C-alpha atoms as a PDB file:
ATOM      1  CA  MET A   1       7.594 -14.110  -2.181  1.00  0.00           C
ATOM      2  CA  GLU A   2      10.834 -16.040  -2.950  1.00  0.00           C
ATOM      3  CA  MET A   3      11.615 -16.005  -6.809  1.00  0.00           C
ATOM      4  CA  THR A   4      13.354 -18.481  -8.646  1.00  0.00           C
ATOM      5  CA  THR A   5      16.171 -17.396 -11.287  1.00  0.00           C
ATOM      6  CA  SER A   6      14.733 -17.089 -14.743  1.00  0.00           C
ATOM      7  CA  PRO A   7      13.982 -20.519 -16.239  1.00  0.00           C
ATOM      8  CA  LYS A   8      15.946 -22.184 -18.854  1.00  0.00           C
ATOM      9  CA  LYS A   9      14.467 -22.489 -22.536  1.00  0.00           C
ATOM     10  CA  TYR A  10      11.707 -25.226 -22.237  1.00  0.00           C
ATOM     11  CA  GLN A  11      12.174 -26.796 -26.034  1.00  0.00           C
ATOM     12  CA  ARG A  12      10.148 -29.877 -26.863  1.00  0.00           C
ATOM     13  CA  ARG A  13      12.327 -32.410 -29.003  1.00  0.00           C
ATOM     14  CA  LYS A  14      11.604 -32.083 -32.685  1.00  0.00           C
ATOM     15  CA  SER A  15      11.233 -35.075 -34.848  1.00  0.00           C
ATOM     16  CA  LYS A  16      13.867 -35.653 -37.776  1.00  0.00           C
ATOM     17  CA  SER A  17      11.486 -34.605 -40.116  1.00  0.00           C
ATOM     18  CA  SER A  18      10.868 -31.157 -38.942  1.00  0.00           C
ATOM     19  CA  ASP A  19      11.521 -28.387 -41.345  1.00  0.00           C
ATOM     20  CA  GLU A  20      14.934 -27.353 -39.876  1.00  0.00           C
ATOM     21  CA  SER A  21      16.272 -30.481 -39.902  1.00  0.00           C
ATOM     22  CA  LYS A  22      15.546 -31.126 -43.704  1.00  0.00           C
ATOM     23  CA  GLY A  23      18.878 -31.348 -45.624  1.00  0.00           C
ATOM     24  CA  VAL A  24      20.978 -32.127 -42.638  1.00  0.00           C
ATOM     25  CA  ASN A  25      23.232 -35.041 -42.867  1.00  0.00           C
ATOM     26  CA  GLU A  26      22.506 -36.372 -39.120  1.00  0.00           C
ATOM     27  CA  LYS A  27      25.483 -38.910 -39.388  1.00  0.00           C
ATOM     28  CA  LYS A  28      27.875 -35.959 -39.750  1.00  0.00           C
ATOM     29  CA  PHE A  29      26.772 -34.077 -36.651  1.00  0.00           C
ATOM     30  CA  ASP A  30      24.622 -34.490 -33.536  1.00  0.00           C
ATOM     31  CA  PHE A  31      21.415 -32.150 -34.694  1.00  0.00           C
ATOM     32  CA  TYR A  32      19.967 -31.862 -31.205  1.00  0.00           C
ATOM     33  CA  ASN A  33      23.486 -30.350 -29.816  1.00  0.00           C
ATOM     34  CA  TYR A  34      23.945 -28.242 -32.908  1.00  0.00           C
ATOM     35  CA  ASP A  35      22.751 -24.540 -32.695  1.00  0.00           C
ATOM     36  CA  ARG A  36      19.583 -24.153 -34.803  1.00  0.00           C
ATOM     37  CA  ARG A  37      20.321 -20.503 -35.131  1.00  0.00           C
ATOM     38  CA  ALA A  38      23.022 -21.593 -37.484  1.00  0.00           C
ATOM     39  CA  LEU A  39      20.086 -23.027 -39.991  1.00  0.00           C
ATOM     40  CA  GLU A  40      18.656 -19.959 -40.417  1.00  0.00           C
ATOM     41  CA  LYS A  41      21.482 -18.765 -42.561  1.00  0.00           C
ATOM     42  CA  GLU A  42      20.392 -20.465 -45.889  1.00  0.00           C
ATOM     43  CA  MET A  43      16.757 -19.311 -45.709  1.00  0.00           C
ATOM     44  CA  TRP A  44      18.275 -15.701 -44.647  1.00  0.00           C
ATOM     45  CA  ILE A  45      20.430 -15.891 -48.075  1.00  0.00           C
ATOM     46  CA  LEU A  46      17.839 -16.961 -50.022  1.00  0.00           C
ATOM     47  CA  GLY A  47      15.443 -14.081 -49.366  1.00  0.00           C
ATOM     48  CA  ARG A  48      18.465 -11.948 -49.942  1.00  0.00           C
ATOM     49  CA  LEU A  49      18.667 -13.649 -53.483  1.00  0.00           C
ATOM     50  CA  MET A  50      14.997 -13.145 -54.318  1.00  0.00           C
ATOM     51  CA  ASN A  51      14.425  -9.844 -53.197  1.00  0.00           C
ATOM     52  CA  GLY A  52      13.353  -8.034 -56.246  1.00  0.00           C
ATOM     53  CA  GLN A  53      12.571 -11.189 -58.071  1.00  0.00           C
ATOM     54  CA  GLN A  54       8.970 -11.036 -59.604  1.00  0.00           C
ATOM     55  CA  PHE A  55       7.320 -14.562 -59.477  1.00  0.00           C
ATOM     56  CA  LYS A  56       3.814 -14.993 -60.949  1.00  0.00           C
ATOM     57  CA  THR A  57       3.154 -18.510 -59.571  1.00  0.00           C
ATOM     58  CA  VAL A  58       4.510 -20.524 -56.417  1.00  0.00           C
ATOM     59  CA  GLU A  59       6.280 -22.933 -58.899  1.00  0.00           C
ATOM     60  CA  GLU A  60       8.421 -20.267 -60.202  1.00  0.00           C
ATOM     61  CA  ALA A  61       9.536 -19.588 -56.827  1.00  0.00           C
ATOM     62  CA  ASN A  62      10.372 -23.090 -56.202  1.00  0.00           C
ATOM     63  CA  ASP A  63      12.301 -23.354 -59.461  1.00  0.00           C
ATOM     64  CA  PHE A  64      14.317 -20.317 -58.512  1.00  0.00           C
ATOM     65  CA  TYR A  65      15.222 -21.848 -54.932  1.00  0.00           C
ATOM     66  CA  ARG A  66      16.024 -25.364 -56.497  1.00  0.00           C
ATOM     67  CA  HIS A  67      18.262 -23.569 -59.050  1.00  0.00           C
ATOM     68  CA  ALA A  68      20.020 -21.544 -56.066  1.00  0.00           C
ATOM     69  CA  ARG A  69      20.988 -24.783 -54.429  1.00  0.00           C
ATOM     70  CA  GLU A  70      22.007 -26.618 -57.392  1.00  0.00           C
ATOM     71  CA  SER A  71      24.089 -24.065 -58.385  1.00  0.00           C
ATOM     72  CA  ASN A  72      25.383 -23.301 -55.114  1.00  0.00           C
ATOM     73  CA  ALA A  73      24.401 -19.507 -55.541  1.00  0.00           C
ATOM     74  CA  ILE A  74      23.603 -19.584 -51.769  1.00  0.00           C
ATOM     75  CA  GLY A  75      27.360 -21.013 -50.908  1.00  0.00           C
ATOM     76  CA  HIS A  76      28.654 -18.208 -52.933  1.00  0.00           C
ATOM     77  CA  PHE A  77      26.638 -15.423 -51.741  1.00  0.00           C
ATOM     78  CA  ARG A  78      28.245 -12.338 -50.740  1.00  0.00           C
ATOM     79  CA  PRO A  79      26.451  -9.438 -48.873  1.00  0.00           C
ATOM     80  CA  ASP A  80      26.427  -5.995 -50.499  1.00  0.00           C
ATOM     81  CA  THR A  81      25.629  -3.831 -47.237  1.00  0.00           C
ATOM     82  CA  VAL A  82      27.660  -3.755 -43.966  1.00  0.00           C
ATOM     83  CA  GLU A  83      24.669  -4.681 -41.885  1.00  0.00           C
ATOM     84  CA  ASP A  84      24.418  -7.860 -44.122  1.00  0.00           C
ATOM     85  CA  GLN A  85      28.008  -8.399 -43.907  1.00  0.00           C
ATOM     86  CA  ALA A  86      27.841  -8.344 -40.039  1.00  0.00           C
ATOM     87  CA  GLN A  87      24.617 -10.590 -39.986  1.00  0.00           C
ATOM     88  CA  HIS A  88      26.227 -13.198 -42.272  1.00  0.00           C
ATOM     89  CA  LEU A  89      29.392 -13.596 -39.961  1.00  0.00           C
ATOM     90  CA  ALA A  90      26.999 -13.775 -37.077  1.00  0.00           C
ATOM     91  CA  TYR A  91      25.163 -16.718 -38.667  1.00  0.00           C
ATOM     92  CA  GLU A  92      28.614 -18.309 -39.170  1.00  0.00           C
ATOM     93  CA  ALA A  93      29.638 -17.602 -35.546  1.00  0.00           C
ATOM     94  CA  PHE A  94      26.335 -19.521 -34.407  1.00  0.00           C
ATOM     95  CA  SER A  95      27.842 -22.932 -35.715  1.00  0.00           C
ATOM     96  CA  LYS A  96      31.208 -22.268 -33.865  1.00  0.00           C
ATOM     97  CA  LYS A  97      32.073 -22.828 -30.383  1.00  0.00           C
ATOM     98  CA  GLY A  98      34.039 -20.799 -27.532  1.00  0.00           C
ATOM     99  CA  ALA A  99      36.915 -18.345 -28.296  1.00  0.00           C
ATOM    100  CA  GLU A 100      36.179 -18.568 -32.301  1.00  0.00           C
ATOM    101  CA  ARG A 101      32.472 -17.705 -31.580  1.00  0.00           C
ATOM    102  CA  ARG A 102      32.832 -14.582 -29.494  1.00  0.00           C
ATOM    103  CA  ASN A 103      35.738 -13.556 -31.974  1.00  0.00           C
ATOM    104  CA  MET A 104      33.413 -14.004 -34.929  1.00  0.00           C
ATOM    105  CA  ALA A 105      30.797 -11.914 -33.070  1.00  0.00           C
ATOM    106  CA  ILE A 106      33.106  -9.198 -32.290  1.00  0.00           C
ATOM    107  CA  GLN A 107      34.328  -9.000 -35.861  1.00  0.00           C
ATOM    108  CA  ALA A 108      30.635  -8.630 -36.914  1.00  0.00           C
ATOM    109  CA  LEU A 109      30.273  -5.625 -34.428  1.00  0.00           C
ATOM    110  CA  GLU A 110      33.448  -4.243 -35.903  1.00  0.00           C
ATOM    111  CA  ILE A 111      31.844  -4.476 -39.587  1.00  0.00           C
ATOM    112  CA  SER A 112      28.566  -2.930 -38.042  1.00  0.00           C
ATOM    113  CA  LYS A 113      27.460  -2.027 -34.694  1.00  0.00           C
ATOM    114  CA  ASN A 114      23.760  -2.683 -35.854  1.00  0.00           C
ATOM    115  CA  CYS A 115      23.947  -6.630 -35.499  1.00  0.00           C
ATOM    116  CA  PRO A 116      21.502  -7.848 -32.700  1.00  0.00           C
ATOM    117  CA  ASP A 117      22.936 -11.450 -33.060  1.00  0.00           C
ATOM    118  CA  ALA A 118      26.415 -10.491 -32.538  1.00  0.00           C
ATOM    119  CA  TYR A 119      25.437  -8.897 -29.039  1.00  0.00           C
ATOM    120  CA  VAL A 120      23.124 -12.201 -28.408  1.00  0.00           C
ATOM    121  CA  ILE A 121      26.165 -14.205 -28.978  1.00  0.00           C
ATOM    122  CA  LEU A 122      28.419 -11.998 -26.317  1.00  0.00           C
ATOM    123  CA  ALA A 123      25.863 -11.713 -23.925  1.00  0.00           C
ATOM    124  CA  GLU A 124      25.271 -15.486 -23.687  1.00  0.00           C
ATOM    125  CA  MET A 125      28.960 -15.957 -23.211  1.00  0.00           C
ATOM    126  CA  GLU A 126      29.014 -13.209 -20.527  1.00  0.00           C
ATOM    127  CA  ARG A 127      29.120 -14.170 -16.765  1.00  0.00           C
ATOM    128  CA  ASP A 128      27.997 -10.927 -15.286  1.00  0.00           C
ATOM    129  CA  ASN A 129      24.308 -10.345 -15.565  1.00  0.00           C
ATOM    130  CA  ASN A 130      24.841  -6.557 -15.335  1.00  0.00           C
ATOM    131  CA  ARG A 131      26.938  -6.802 -18.551  1.00  0.00           C
ATOM    132  CA  LYS A 132      24.322  -9.154 -20.059  1.00  0.00           C
ATOM    133  CA  ILE A 133      21.565  -6.839 -19.800  1.00  0.00           C
ATOM    134  CA  GLU A 134      23.848  -4.194 -21.333  1.00  0.00           C
ATOM    135  CA  LEU A 135      24.694  -6.379 -24.370  1.00  0.00           C
ATOM    136  CA  TYR A 136      21.278  -7.368 -24.833  1.00  0.00           C
ATOM    137  CA  THR A 137      19.804  -4.084 -24.478  1.00  0.00           C
ATOM    138  CA  LYS A 138      22.337  -2.805 -27.411  1.00  0.00           C
ATOM    139  CA  GLY A 139      20.903  -5.803 -29.428  1.00  0.00           C
ATOM    140  CA  VAL A 140      17.465  -4.913 -28.978  1.00  0.00           C
ATOM    141  CA  GLU A 141      18.467  -1.014 -29.725  1.00  0.00           C
ATOM    142  CA  SER A 142      20.253  -2.025 -32.908  1.00  0.00           C
ATOM    143  CA  GLY A 143      17.720  -4.450 -34.049  1.00  0.00           C
ATOM    144  CA  GLU A 144      15.113  -1.541 -33.965  1.00  0.00           C
ATOM    145  CA  LYS A 145      17.325   0.348 -35.723  1.00  0.00           C
ATOM    146  CA  VAL A 146      17.603  -2.097 -38.631  1.00  0.00           C
ATOM    147  CA  LEU A 147      14.109  -2.962 -38.745  1.00  0.00           C
ATOM    148  CA  GLY A 148      12.477   0.570 -38.755  1.00  0.00           C
ATOM    149  CA  LYS A 149       9.460   1.565 -36.889  1.00  0.00           C
ATOM    150  CA  GLU A 150       6.911   0.657 -39.638  1.00  0.00           C
ATOM    151  CA  ILE A 151       7.470  -2.948 -39.460  1.00  0.00           C
ATOM    152  CA  PHE A 152       6.312  -3.264 -35.683  1.00  0.00           C
ATOM    153  CA  ASP A 153       2.696  -2.078 -36.746  1.00  0.00           C
ATOM    154  CA  ARG A 154       2.549  -3.597 -40.069  1.00  0.00           C
ATOM    155  CA  ASP A 155       3.732  -7.053 -39.235  1.00  0.00           C
ATOM    156  CA  ARG A 156       2.829  -7.404 -35.729  1.00  0.00           C
ATOM    157  CA  GLY A 157       1.502 -10.936 -35.062  1.00  0.00           C
ATOM    158  CA  ASN A 158       3.579 -12.412 -37.938  1.00  0.00           C
ATOM    159  CA  PHE A 159       7.086 -11.335 -36.731  1.00  0.00           C
ATOM    160  CA  TRP A 160       8.892 -14.434 -36.607  1.00  0.00           C
ATOM    161  CA  GLY A 161       7.647 -15.617 -40.126  1.00  0.00           C
ATOM    162  CA  ILE A 162       9.880 -12.536 -41.279  1.00  0.00           C
ATOM    163  CA  ILE A 163      13.467 -13.960 -40.863  1.00  0.00           C
ATOM    164  CA  GLU A 164      14.884 -10.404 -40.623  1.00  0.00           C
ATOM    165  CA  THR A 165      13.086  -9.957 -37.141  1.00  0.00           C
ATOM    166  CA  ARG A 166      14.477 -13.046 -35.728  1.00  0.00           C
ATOM    167  CA  PRO A 167      17.796 -11.486 -34.256  1.00  0.00           C
ATOM    168  CA  TYR A 168      15.806  -8.597 -32.940  1.00  0.00           C
ATOM    169  CA  MET A 169      13.191 -11.110 -30.989  1.00  0.00           C
ATOM    170  CA  ARG A 170      16.485 -13.234 -29.899  1.00  0.00           C
ATOM    171  CA  ALA A 171      17.728 -10.233 -28.179  1.00  0.00           C
ATOM    172  CA  GLN A 172      14.620  -9.416 -26.533  1.00  0.00           C
ATOM    173  CA  GLU A 173      14.282 -12.629 -25.287  1.00  0.00           C
ATOM    174  CA  GLY A 174      17.596 -12.608 -23.585  1.00  0.00           C
ATOM    175  CA  LEU A 175      17.300  -9.397 -22.174  1.00  0.00           C
ATOM    176  CA  ALA A 176      13.845 -10.655 -20.430  1.00  0.00           C
ATOM    177  CA  LEU A 177      15.824 -13.738 -18.920  1.00  0.00           C
ATOM    178  CA  ALA A 178      18.648 -11.187 -17.565  1.00  0.00           C
ATOM    179  CA  LEU A 179      16.049  -8.691 -16.125  1.00  0.00           C
ATOM    180  CA  TRP A 180      14.147 -11.750 -14.466  1.00  0.00           C
ATOM    181  CA  ASP A 181      17.698 -12.797 -13.026  1.00  0.00           C
ATOM    182  CA  SER A 182      18.318  -9.192 -12.024  1.00  0.00           C
ATOM    183  CA  GLY A 183      14.902  -8.995 -10.150  1.00  0.00           C
ATOM    184  CA  GLN A 184      13.317  -6.650 -12.711  1.00  0.00           C
ATOM    185  CA  LEU A 185      10.402  -8.413 -13.110  1.00  0.00           C
ATOM    186  CA  ASP A 186       8.143  -5.741 -14.223  1.00  0.00           C
ATOM    187  CA  ARG A 187      10.267  -5.058 -17.381  1.00  0.00           C
ATOM    188  CA  ALA A 188      10.634  -8.765 -18.156  1.00  0.00           C
ATOM    189  CA  GLN A 189       7.091  -9.230 -18.035  1.00  0.00           C
ATOM    190  CA  GLU A 190       6.434  -6.167 -20.519  1.00  0.00           C
ATOM    191  CA  ILE A 191       9.035  -7.798 -22.780  1.00  0.00           C
ATOM    192  CA  TYR A 192       7.705 -11.505 -22.551  1.00  0.00           C
ATOM    193  CA  GLU A 193       4.039  -9.953 -23.490  1.00  0.00           C
ATOM    194  CA  LEU A 194       5.143  -7.752 -26.340  1.00  0.00           C
ATOM    195  CA  LEU A 195       7.037 -10.837 -27.711  1.00  0.00           C
ATOM    196  CA  LEU A 196       3.974 -12.850 -27.740  1.00  0.00           C
ATOM    197  CA  GLU A 197       2.022  -9.855 -29.276  1.00  0.00           C
ATOM    198  CA  LEU A 198       4.439  -9.768 -32.149  1.00  0.00           C
ATOM    199  CA  ASN A 199       4.574 -13.390 -32.823  1.00  0.00           C
ATOM    200  CA  PRO A 200       1.469 -15.253 -30.874  1.00  0.00           C
ATOM    201  CA  ASN A 201       2.474 -18.520 -32.530  1.00  0.00           C
ATOM    202  CA  ASP A 202       5.396 -18.166 -29.947  1.00  0.00           C
ATOM    203  CA  ASN A 203       8.266 -19.893 -31.900  1.00  0.00           C
ATOM    204  CA  GLN A 204      10.456 -19.050 -29.287  1.00  0.00           C
ATOM    205  CA  GLY A 205       8.546 -20.699 -26.428  1.00  0.00           C
ATOM    206  CA  ASN A 206       8.206 -17.400 -24.312  1.00  0.00           C
ATOM    207  CA  ARG A 207       4.655 -18.451 -23.203  1.00  0.00           C
ATOM    208  CA  TYR A 208       6.386 -20.771 -20.654  1.00  0.00           C
ATOM    209  CA  SER A 209       8.380 -18.068 -19.182  1.00  0.00           C
ATOM    210  CA  LEU A 210       5.354 -15.864 -18.960  1.00  0.00           C
ATOM    211  CA  LEU A 211       3.199 -18.189 -17.539  1.00  0.00           C
ATOM    212  CA  LEU A 212       5.765 -18.848 -14.718  1.00  0.00           C
ATOM    213  CA  LEU A 213       6.227 -15.334 -14.301  1.00  0.00           C
ATOM    214  CA  TYR A 214       2.490 -14.702 -13.730  1.00  0.00           C
ATOM    215  CA  LEU A 215       2.228 -17.703 -11.413  1.00  0.00           C
ATOM    216  CA  TYR A 216       5.358 -16.481  -9.102  1.00  0.00           C
ATOM    217  CA  ARG A 217       3.448 -13.238  -8.854  1.00  0.00           C
ATOM    218  CA  ASN A 218      -0.022 -14.497  -8.368  1.00  0.00           C
ATOM    219  CA  ASP A 219      -1.440 -12.964 -11.126  1.00  0.00           C
ATOM    220  CA  PHE A 220      -3.735 -15.865 -11.785  1.00  0.00           C
ATOM    221  CA  GLU A 221      -6.092 -14.229 -14.287  1.00  0.00           C
ATOM    222  CA  LYS A 222      -3.392 -13.490 -16.673  1.00  0.00           C
ATOM    223  CA  ALA A 223      -1.996 -17.015 -16.095  1.00  0.00           C
ATOM    224  CA  LYS A 224      -5.132 -18.430 -16.861  1.00  0.00           C
ATOM    225  CA  ARG A 225      -5.598 -16.367 -20.059  1.00  0.00           C
ATOM    226  CA  VAL A 226      -2.029 -17.701 -21.167  1.00  0.00           C
ATOM    227  CA  LEU A 227      -3.029 -21.355 -20.339  1.00  0.00           C
ATOM    228  CA  ASN A 228      -6.370 -21.029 -22.311  1.00  0.00           C
ATOM    229  CA  GLN A 229      -4.390 -19.376 -25.575  1.00  0.00           C
ATOM    230  CA  TYR A 230      -1.885 -21.947 -25.651  1.00  0.00           C
ATOM    231  CA  ASP A 231      -3.727 -25.271 -24.881  1.00  0.00           C
ATOM    232  CA  GLU A 232      -0.903 -28.271 -25.053  1.00  0.00           C
ATOM    233  CA  ASP A 233      -0.322 -31.525 -23.291  1.00  0.00           C
ATOM    234  CA  SER A 234       3.199 -31.047 -22.098  1.00  0.00           C
ATOM    235  CA  ALA A 235       4.106 -31.588 -18.639  1.00  0.00           C
ATOM    236  CA  TYR A 236       4.791 -27.789 -18.190  1.00  0.00           C
ATOM    237  CA  TRP A 237       1.229 -26.752 -19.314  1.00  0.00           C
ATOM    238  CA  SER A 238      -0.674 -29.537 -17.486  1.00  0.00           C
ATOM    239  CA  TYR A 239       1.058 -29.534 -14.118  1.00  0.00           C
ATOM    240  CA  ASN A 240       0.802 -25.556 -14.031  1.00  0.00           C
ATOM    241  CA  LYS A 241      -2.901 -25.760 -15.088  1.00  0.00           C
ATOM    242  CA  ALA A 242      -3.538 -28.342 -12.275  1.00  0.00           C
ATOM    243  CA  LEU A 243      -1.810 -25.966  -9.998  1.00  0.00           C
ATOM    244  CA  LEU A 244      -3.420 -22.851 -11.110  1.00  0.00           C
ATOM    245  CA  LEU A 245      -6.791 -24.781 -10.526  1.00  0.00           C
ATOM    246  CA  PHE A 246      -6.069 -25.639  -7.119  1.00  0.00           C
ATOM    247  CA  LEU A 247      -4.824 -22.435  -6.225  1.00  0.00           C
ATOM    248  CA  THR A 248      -8.077 -20.544  -7.607  1.00  0.00           C
ATOM    249  CA  THR A 249     -10.944 -23.023  -6.912  1.00  0.00           C
ATOM    250  CA  GLY A 250      -9.257 -25.824  -4.410  1.00  0.00           C
ATOM    251  CA  ILE A 251      -9.982 -29.573  -4.994  1.00  0.00           C
ATOM    252  CA  THR A 252     -12.673 -30.070  -7.353  1.00  0.00           C
ATOM    253  CA  ILE A 253     -13.914 -32.319 -10.089  1.00  0.00           C
ATOM    254  CA  GLU A 254     -11.986 -29.941 -12.421  1.00  0.00           C
ATOM    255  CA  SER A 255      -8.880 -29.647 -10.620  1.00  0.00           C
ATOM    256  CA  LYS A 256      -8.758 -33.491 -10.156  1.00  0.00           C
ATOM    257  CA  ILE A 257      -9.095 -34.064 -13.762  1.00  0.00           C
ATOM    258  CA  ALA A 258      -6.512 -31.684 -14.676  1.00  0.00           C
ATOM    259  CA  LEU A 259      -3.991 -33.052 -12.146  1.00  0.00           C
ATOM    260  CA  ARG A 260      -4.592 -36.711 -13.712  1.00  0.00           C
ATOM    261  CA  LYS A 261      -3.979 -35.486 -17.276  1.00  0.00           C
ATOM    262  CA  ALA A 262      -0.890 -33.745 -15.691  1.00  0.00           C
ATOM    263  CA  PHE A 263       0.051 -37.535 -14.324  1.00  0.00           C
ATOM    264  CA  GLU A 264      -0.740 -38.989 -17.862  1.00  0.00           C
ATOM    265  CA  SER A 265       1.593 -36.283 -19.566  1.00  0.00           C
ATOM    266  CA  ASN A 266       4.649 -37.407 -17.636  1.00  0.00           C
ATOM    267  CA  LYS A 267       4.558 -39.644 -14.607  1.00  0.00           C
ATOM    268  CA  TYR A 268       8.080 -38.844 -13.311  1.00  0.00           C
ATOM    269  CA  VAL A 269       7.262 -35.194 -11.978  1.00  0.00           C
ATOM    270  CA  PRO A 270       6.122 -36.233  -8.537  1.00  0.00           C
ATOM    271  CA  ALA A 271       9.011 -38.367  -7.844  1.00  0.00           C
ATOM    272  CA  PHE A 272      11.223 -35.516  -8.738  1.00  0.00           C
ATOM    273  CA  LEU A 273       9.203 -32.814  -6.727  1.00  0.00           C
ATOM    274  CA  LEU A 274       9.498 -34.922  -3.902  1.00  0.00           C
ATOM    275  CA  ARG A 275      13.232 -35.618  -4.415  1.00  0.00           C
ATOM    276  CA  GLU A 276      12.653 -39.396  -4.329  1.00  0.00           C
ATOM    277  CA  ALA A 277      14.808 -39.544  -7.731  1.00  0.00           C
ATOM    278  CA  LYS A 278      17.739 -37.568  -8.914  1.00  0.00           C
ATOM    279  CA  LEU A 279      17.128 -34.892 -11.565  1.00  0.00           C
ATOM    280  CA  PRO A 280      18.889 -35.973 -14.767  1.00  0.00           C
ATOM    281  CA  PRO A 281      21.411 -33.736 -16.292  1.00  0.00           C
ATOM    282  CA  GLU A 282      20.234 -30.412 -18.407  1.00  0.00           C
ATOM    283  CA  SER A 283      19.717 -31.210 -22.212  1.00  0.00           C
ATOM    284  CA  ASN A 284      19.480 -28.736 -24.874  1.00  0.00           C
ATOM    285  CA  TYR A 285      15.854 -30.462 -25.816  1.00  0.00           C
ATOM    286  CA  ILE A 286      13.329 -32.334 -23.745  1.00  0.00           C
ATOM    287  CA  THR A 287      11.465 -35.319 -25.019  1.00  0.00           C
ATOM    288  CA  PRO A 288       7.667 -35.383 -24.095  1.00  0.00           C
ATOM    289  CA  GLY A 289       6.802 -37.730 -21.230  1.00  0.00           C
ATOM    290  CA  GLU A 290      10.385 -38.635 -20.402  1.00  0.00           C
ATOM    291  CA  PRO A 291      12.642 -37.935 -17.168  1.00  0.00           C
ATOM    292  CA  ASP A 292      14.217 -34.851 -18.989  1.00  0.00           C
ATOM    293  CA  GLU A 293      11.077 -33.202 -19.473  1.00  0.00           C
ATOM    294  CA  ALA A 294       9.942 -33.718 -15.889  1.00  0.00           C
ATOM    295  CA  GLY A 295      13.434 -32.433 -14.744  1.00  0.00           C
ATOM    296  CA  SER A 296      13.102 -29.193 -16.895  1.00  0.00           C
ATOM    297  CA  TYR A 297       9.774 -28.708 -15.412  1.00  0.00           C
ATOM    298  CA  VAL A 298      10.642 -29.362 -11.812  1.00  0.00           C
ATOM    299  CA  LYS A 299      13.627 -27.152 -11.990  1.00  0.00           C
ATOM    300  CA  ALA A 300      11.563 -24.124 -13.263  1.00  0.00           C
ATOM    301  CA  SER A 301       8.195 -24.782 -11.474  1.00  0.00           C
ATOM    302  CA  GLY A 302       9.124 -26.990  -8.544  1.00  0.00           C
ATOM    303  CA  PRO A 303       9.751 -23.849  -5.995  1.00  0.00           C
ATOM    304  CA  LEU A 304       5.954 -23.003  -6.832  1.00  0.00           C
ATOM    305  CA  TRP A 305       4.983 -26.279  -5.489  1.00  0.00           C
ATOM    306  CA  LEU A 306       7.135 -26.291  -2.570  1.00  0.00           C
ATOM    307  CA  LYS A 307       5.821 -22.687  -1.684  1.00  0.00           C
ATOM    308  CA  ASN A 308       2.201 -23.942  -1.755  1.00  0.00           C
ATOM    309  CA  PHE A 309       2.592 -26.824   0.594  1.00  0.00           C
ATOM    310  CA  GLU A 310      -1.090 -27.537   0.570  1.00  0.00           C
ATOM    311  CA  ALA A 311      -0.919 -28.106  -3.207  1.00  0.00           C
ATOM    312  CA  LEU A 312       2.038 -30.519  -3.002  1.00  0.00           C
ATOM    313  CA  LYS A 313       0.260 -32.685  -0.331  1.00  0.00           C
ATOM    314  CA  TRP A 314      -2.574 -32.751  -2.790  1.00  0.00           C
ATOM    315  CA  LEU A 315      -0.406 -33.894  -5.679  1.00  0.00           C
ATOM    316  CA  VAL A 316       0.996 -36.528  -3.498  1.00  0.00           C
ATOM    317  CA  ASN A 317      -2.290 -37.971  -2.441  1.00  0.00           C
ATOM    318  CA  GLU A 318      -3.810 -37.849  -5.818  1.00  0.00           C
ATOM    319  CA  PHE A 319      -0.495 -39.534  -7.474  1.00  0.00           C
ATOM    320  CA  SER A 320      -0.913 -42.327  -4.923  1.00  0.00           C
ATOM    321  CA  ARG A 321      -4.432 -42.940  -5.962  1.00  0.00           C
ATOM    322  CA  TYR A 322      -3.336 -42.751  -9.560  1.00  0.00           C
ATOM    323  CA  VAL A 323      -0.688 -45.461  -9.020  1.00  0.00           C
ATOM    324  CA  LYS A 324      -3.362 -47.552  -7.440  1.00  0.00           C
ATOM    325  CA  ASP A 325      -5.845 -47.087 -10.168  1.00  0.00           C
ATOM    326  CA  GLU A 326      -2.981 -47.843 -13.041  1.00  0.00           C
ATOM    327  CA  LYS A 327      -2.098 -51.025 -11.022  1.00  0.00           C
ATOM    328  CA  LYS A 328      -5.739 -52.175 -10.550  1.00  0.00           C
ATOM    329  CA  ALA A 329      -6.263 -51.574 -14.399  1.00  0.00           C
ATOM    330  CA  GLN A 330      -3.415 -53.579 -15.127  1.00  0.00           C
ATOM    331  CA  GLY A 331      -4.427 -56.569 -13.288  1.00  0.00           C
ATOM    332  CA  GLN A 332      -7.880 -56.539 -14.823  1.00  0.00           C
ATOM    333  CA  PHE A 333      -6.121 -56.357 -18.251  1.00  0.00           C
ATOM    334  CA  ARG A 334      -4.070 -59.568 -17.257  1.00  0.00           C
ATOM    335  CA  GLY A 335      -7.171 -61.402 -15.983  1.00  0.00           C
ATOM    336  CA  LEU A 336      -9.214 -60.954 -19.455  1.00  0.00           C
END
């Protein structure tokens, strides 16, 4: 079976009120083109400052946080251990670009080899995929050393909620993508499954890659389980659900309803699938219901529809009916 390369990150656009954008002066920079990983630094430092504190109430913890910000204790923070010094520098590197970012990652590793984010940065800037795998693997191994074995059992299911685990999870995610690109699908699948076990809330969006991998491998039972576990109205989810239903049950009332819901989630997908419209340029984020979301979906899942030509014919016929029904409904509305 012909495989596509690993998908780009499928990220839905966040509102300005999201937690990660609080306190950010959007007039100074474009938040959507900013590396959000740099925004973790304040939370990471706060965790270090709060370590060992005995708070009796939530109010006491909030007061401590407020005082830390007002006194600029966060800005004046200086890490004690070499591992923390390296991670602190890696967070700084996320806010830089180009050679400066690379050099800061290298400096972080000179301070401590146990810095997963430094390996992640270098891997992301590497062109050779074998070298990417090597760097991401070192990131995973260093993350395991920093975290220790106990945390994988104790905090399984809430990993992303512990900020110290995030560099390890980033290294694992990058490794899975690189393994996918090298054709090592079994290993990539194992990593995605592990990441969802560690963090079922899936803040990283690994469910999109895992679902796509299941579909490409015709593992429909596992694809169905993931779809049911993360029910959402995104184009990625709704169109792949309709495709899965067609591949497993054919044209039924259920598959037709699913495809209609897919059209309602994003009307641009059919035109991009049929190449009747040019795909929009890639973006760091996608907007639900808009062309950038449709383009992101088609780049990742388009080959699945092309491979299953009968499914594509079904989509075309149903979309034609959908458009006619929409026009008819609009005409009736105008006649009221």
